[in-house]
Amino acid sequence: MGDGYVVVSGVPVARPDHAMALIQFAIEMLDAAAQIHDLYGHTLSIRIGIASGPVEHAKEQFEFESRGPIDVKGKGQVATRFVIDQKKSGCVPKVWSSFSLANSSGNY
């Protein structure tokens, strides 16, 4: 569609768990989108990307799979990962295959 929505975390007050807060927000957005159907029964499909910098704390709580580098305008090649699952509970929806976490520093 070309529509976009931007969300920030840790602004104006910094928070050490900004990346995890964004991932939790994305989970809730995916859950909400899965509940929306058009007149023909098709579900709403959304893609969510997070550009967060180093996400070491998120690695402790979530499992990631390498998506490989992608070209990001103004940054060049950026290492990206898919969020696969939450480590401490099995409640994370498997629709996360459309959710990627981009890290401009390459540190995961």
C-alpha atoms as a PDB file:
ATOM      1  CA  MET A   1       0.000   0.000   0.000  1.00  0.00           C
ATOM      2  CA  GLY A   2       2.830   2.385   0.640  1.00  0.00           C
ATOM      3  CA  ASP A   3       1.484   3.516   3.988  1.00  0.00           C
ATOM      4  CA  GLY A   4       3.845   3.663   6.929  1.00  0.00           C
ATOM      5  CA  TYR A   5       3.750   4.258  10.649  1.00  0.00           C
ATOM      6  CA  VAL A   6       6.780   5.200  12.748  1.00  0.00           C
ATOM      7  CA  VAL A   7       7.158   4.378  16.442  1.00  0.00           C
ATOM      8  CA  VAL A   8      10.035   5.298  18.755  1.00  0.00           C
ATOM      9  CA  SER A   9      11.036   3.915  22.122  1.00  0.00           C
ATOM     10  CA  GLY A  10      13.200   5.571  24.736  1.00  0.00           C
ATOM     11  CA  VAL A  11      12.340   9.111  23.622  1.00  0.00           C
ATOM     12  CA  PRO A  12      12.436  11.651  25.169  1.00  0.00           C
ATOM     13  CA  VAL A  13      13.606   9.617  28.184  1.00  0.00           C
ATOM     14  CA  ALA A  14      16.161   6.902  27.421  1.00  0.00           C
ATOM     15  CA  ARG A  15      15.382   3.376  28.579  1.00  0.00           C
ATOM     16  CA  PRO A  16      17.803   0.426  28.550  1.00  0.00           C
ATOM     17  CA  ASP A  17      15.136  -1.970  27.266  1.00  0.00           C
ATOM     18  CA  HIS A  18      14.105   0.105  24.236  1.00  0.00           C
ATOM     19  CA  ALA A  19      14.637  -2.733  21.753  1.00  0.00           C
ATOM     20  CA  MET A  20      12.621  -5.220  23.840  1.00  0.00           C
ATOM     21  CA  ALA A  21       9.822  -2.667  24.252  1.00  0.00           C
ATOM     22  CA  LEU A  22       9.684  -2.247  20.471  1.00  0.00           C
ATOM     23  CA  ILE A  23       9.600  -6.011  19.934  1.00  0.00           C
ATOM     24  CA  GLN A  24       6.735  -6.350  22.435  1.00  0.00           C
ATOM     25  CA  PHE A  25       4.889  -3.534  20.653  1.00  0.00           C
ATOM     26  CA  ALA A  26       5.423  -5.311  17.325  1.00  0.00           C
ATOM     27  CA  ILE A  27       4.011  -8.545  18.791  1.00  0.00           C
ATOM     28  CA  GLU A  28       0.894  -6.694  19.871  1.00  0.00           C
ATOM     29  CA  MET A  29       0.568  -5.050  16.443  1.00  0.00           C
ATOM     30  CA  LEU A  30       0.835  -8.440  14.701  1.00  0.00           C
ATOM     31  CA  ASP A  31      -1.750  -9.930  17.074  1.00  0.00           C
ATOM     32  CA  ALA A  32      -4.127  -7.021  16.411  1.00  0.00           C
ATOM     33  CA  ALA A  33      -3.631  -7.263  12.632  1.00  0.00           C
ATOM     34  CA  ALA A  34      -4.415 -10.996  12.725  1.00  0.00           C
ATOM     35  CA  GLN A  35      -7.856 -10.137  14.133  1.00  0.00           C
ATOM     36  CA  ILE A  36      -8.775  -7.848  11.216  1.00  0.00           C
ATOM     37  CA  HIS A  37     -10.565  -9.354   8.209  1.00  0.00           C
ATOM     38  CA  ASP A  38     -12.030  -7.784   5.099  1.00  0.00           C
ATOM     39  CA  LEU A  39     -15.466  -8.644   3.671  1.00  0.00           C
ATOM     40  CA  TYR A  40     -13.980 -11.692   1.948  1.00  0.00           C
ATOM     41  CA  GLY A  41     -12.324 -13.069   5.090  1.00  0.00           C
ATOM     42  CA  HIS A  42      -8.767 -12.081   4.159  1.00  0.00           C
ATOM     43  CA  THR A  43      -6.597 -11.100   7.105  1.00  0.00           C
ATOM     44  CA  LEU A  44      -4.611  -7.891   7.239  1.00  0.00           C
ATOM     45  CA  SER A  45      -0.963  -8.492   6.397  1.00  0.00           C
ATOM     46  CA  ILE A  46       1.662  -6.155   7.831  1.00  0.00           C
ATOM     47  CA  ARG A  47       5.448  -6.024   7.877  1.00  0.00           C
ATOM     48  CA  ILE A  48       7.325  -4.558  10.818  1.00  0.00           C
ATOM     49  CA  GLY A  49      10.962  -3.526  10.859  1.00  0.00           C
ATOM     50  CA  ILE A  50      12.961  -2.214  13.787  1.00  0.00           C
ATOM     51  CA  ALA A  51      16.154  -0.193  13.492  1.00  0.00           C
ATOM     52  CA  SER A  52      17.523  -0.084  16.994  1.00  0.00           C
ATOM     53  CA  GLY A  53      21.286  -0.283  17.135  1.00  0.00           C
ATOM     54  CA  PRO A  54      22.831  -2.996  19.335  1.00  0.00           C
ATOM     55  CA  VAL A  55      20.183  -5.325  20.750  1.00  0.00           C
ATOM     56  CA  GLU A  56      22.205  -7.480  23.135  1.00  0.00           C
ATOM     57  CA  HIS A  57      19.446  -7.552  25.784  1.00  0.00           C
ATOM     58  CA  ALA A  58      16.924  -8.677  23.172  1.00  0.00           C
ATOM     59  CA  LYS A  59      19.192 -11.638  22.345  1.00  0.00           C
ATOM     60  CA  GLU A  60      18.677 -12.867  25.895  1.00  0.00           C
ATOM     61  CA  GLN A  61      14.891 -12.992  25.508  1.00  0.00           C
ATOM     62  CA  PHE A  62      14.318 -13.682  21.808  1.00  0.00           C
ATOM     63  CA  GLU A  63      15.619 -16.124  19.215  1.00  0.00           C
ATOM     64  CA  PHE A  64      16.820 -14.594  15.955  1.00  0.00           C
ATOM     65  CA  GLU A  65      17.549 -16.008  12.518  1.00  0.00           C
ATOM     66  CA  SER A  66      19.889 -14.263  10.110  1.00  0.00           C
ATOM     67  CA  ARG A  67      18.120 -12.590   7.216  1.00  0.00           C
ATOM     68  CA  GLY A  68      21.410 -11.497   5.717  1.00  0.00           C
ATOM     69  CA  PRO A  69      22.542  -8.002   4.834  1.00  0.00           C
ATOM     70  CA  ILE A  70      20.244  -5.570   3.045  1.00  0.00           C
ATOM     71  CA  ASP A  71      21.050  -2.243   1.423  1.00  0.00           C
ATOM     72  CA  VAL A  72      19.703   0.638   3.530  1.00  0.00           C
ATOM     73  CA  LYS A  73      19.603   4.083   1.949  1.00  0.00           C
ATOM     74  CA  GLY A  74      22.221   6.294   3.577  1.00  0.00           C
ATOM     75  CA  LYS A  75      23.806   3.419   5.548  1.00  0.00           C
ATOM     76  CA  GLY A  76      24.860   0.831   2.963  1.00  0.00           C
ATOM     77  CA  GLN A  77      24.781  -2.876   3.813  1.00  0.00           C
ATOM     78  CA  VAL A  78      23.090  -3.585   7.158  1.00  0.00           C
ATOM     79  CA  ALA A  79      22.962  -6.960   8.956  1.00  0.00           C
ATOM     80  CA  THR A  80      19.365  -7.994   9.652  1.00  0.00           C
ATOM     81  CA  ARG A  81      17.637 -10.752  11.607  1.00  0.00           C
ATOM     82  CA  PHE A  82      14.149 -12.239  11.820  1.00  0.00           C
ATOM     83  CA  VAL A  83      12.656 -12.568  15.288  1.00  0.00           C
ATOM     84  CA  ILE A  84      11.705 -16.257  15.487  1.00  0.00           C
ATOM     85  CA  ASP A  85      10.492 -16.883  19.016  1.00  0.00           C
ATOM     86  CA  GLN A  86      10.563 -15.687  22.583  1.00  0.00           C
ATOM     87  CA  LYS A  87      13.000 -17.747  24.667  1.00  0.00           C
ATOM     88  CA  LYS A  88      11.209 -17.775  28.008  1.00  0.00           C
ATOM     89  CA  SER A  89       7.677 -18.598  26.841  1.00  0.00           C
ATOM     90  CA  GLY A  90       6.025 -20.286  23.920  1.00  0.00           C
ATOM     91  CA  CYS A  91       3.360 -17.597  23.485  1.00  0.00           C
ATOM     92  CA  VAL A  92       5.026 -15.760  20.605  1.00  0.00           C
ATOM     93  CA  PRO A  93       3.033 -16.070  17.359  1.00  0.00           C
ATOM     94  CA  LYS A  94       4.765 -17.808  14.479  1.00  0.00           C
ATOM     95  CA  VAL A  95       3.628 -15.042  12.106  1.00  0.00           C
ATOM     96  CA  TRP A  96       6.899 -13.376  13.030  1.00  0.00           C
ATOM     97  CA  SER A  97       8.370 -14.542   9.758  1.00  0.00           C
ATOM     98  CA  SER A  98       7.356 -11.106   8.444  1.00  0.00           C
ATOM     99  CA  PHE A  99       9.042  -9.268  11.293  1.00  0.00           C
ATOM    100  CA  SER A 100      12.672  -8.260  10.961  1.00  0.00           C
ATOM    101  CA  LEU A 101      15.072  -6.509  13.249  1.00  0.00           C
ATOM    102  CA  ALA A 102      17.651  -4.311  11.562  1.00  0.00           C
ATOM    103  CA  ASN A 103      20.789  -3.317  13.413  1.00  0.00           C
ATOM    104  CA  SER A 104      22.913  -0.658  11.781  1.00  0.00           C
ATOM    105  CA  SER A 105      25.978  -1.580  13.816  1.00  0.00           C
ATOM    106  CA  GLY A 106      25.867  -5.310  12.993  1.00  0.00           C
ATOM    107  CA  ASN A 107      26.124  -6.251  16.697  1.00  0.00           C
ATOM    108  CA  TYR A 108      23.679  -8.947  17.787  1.00  0.00           C
END
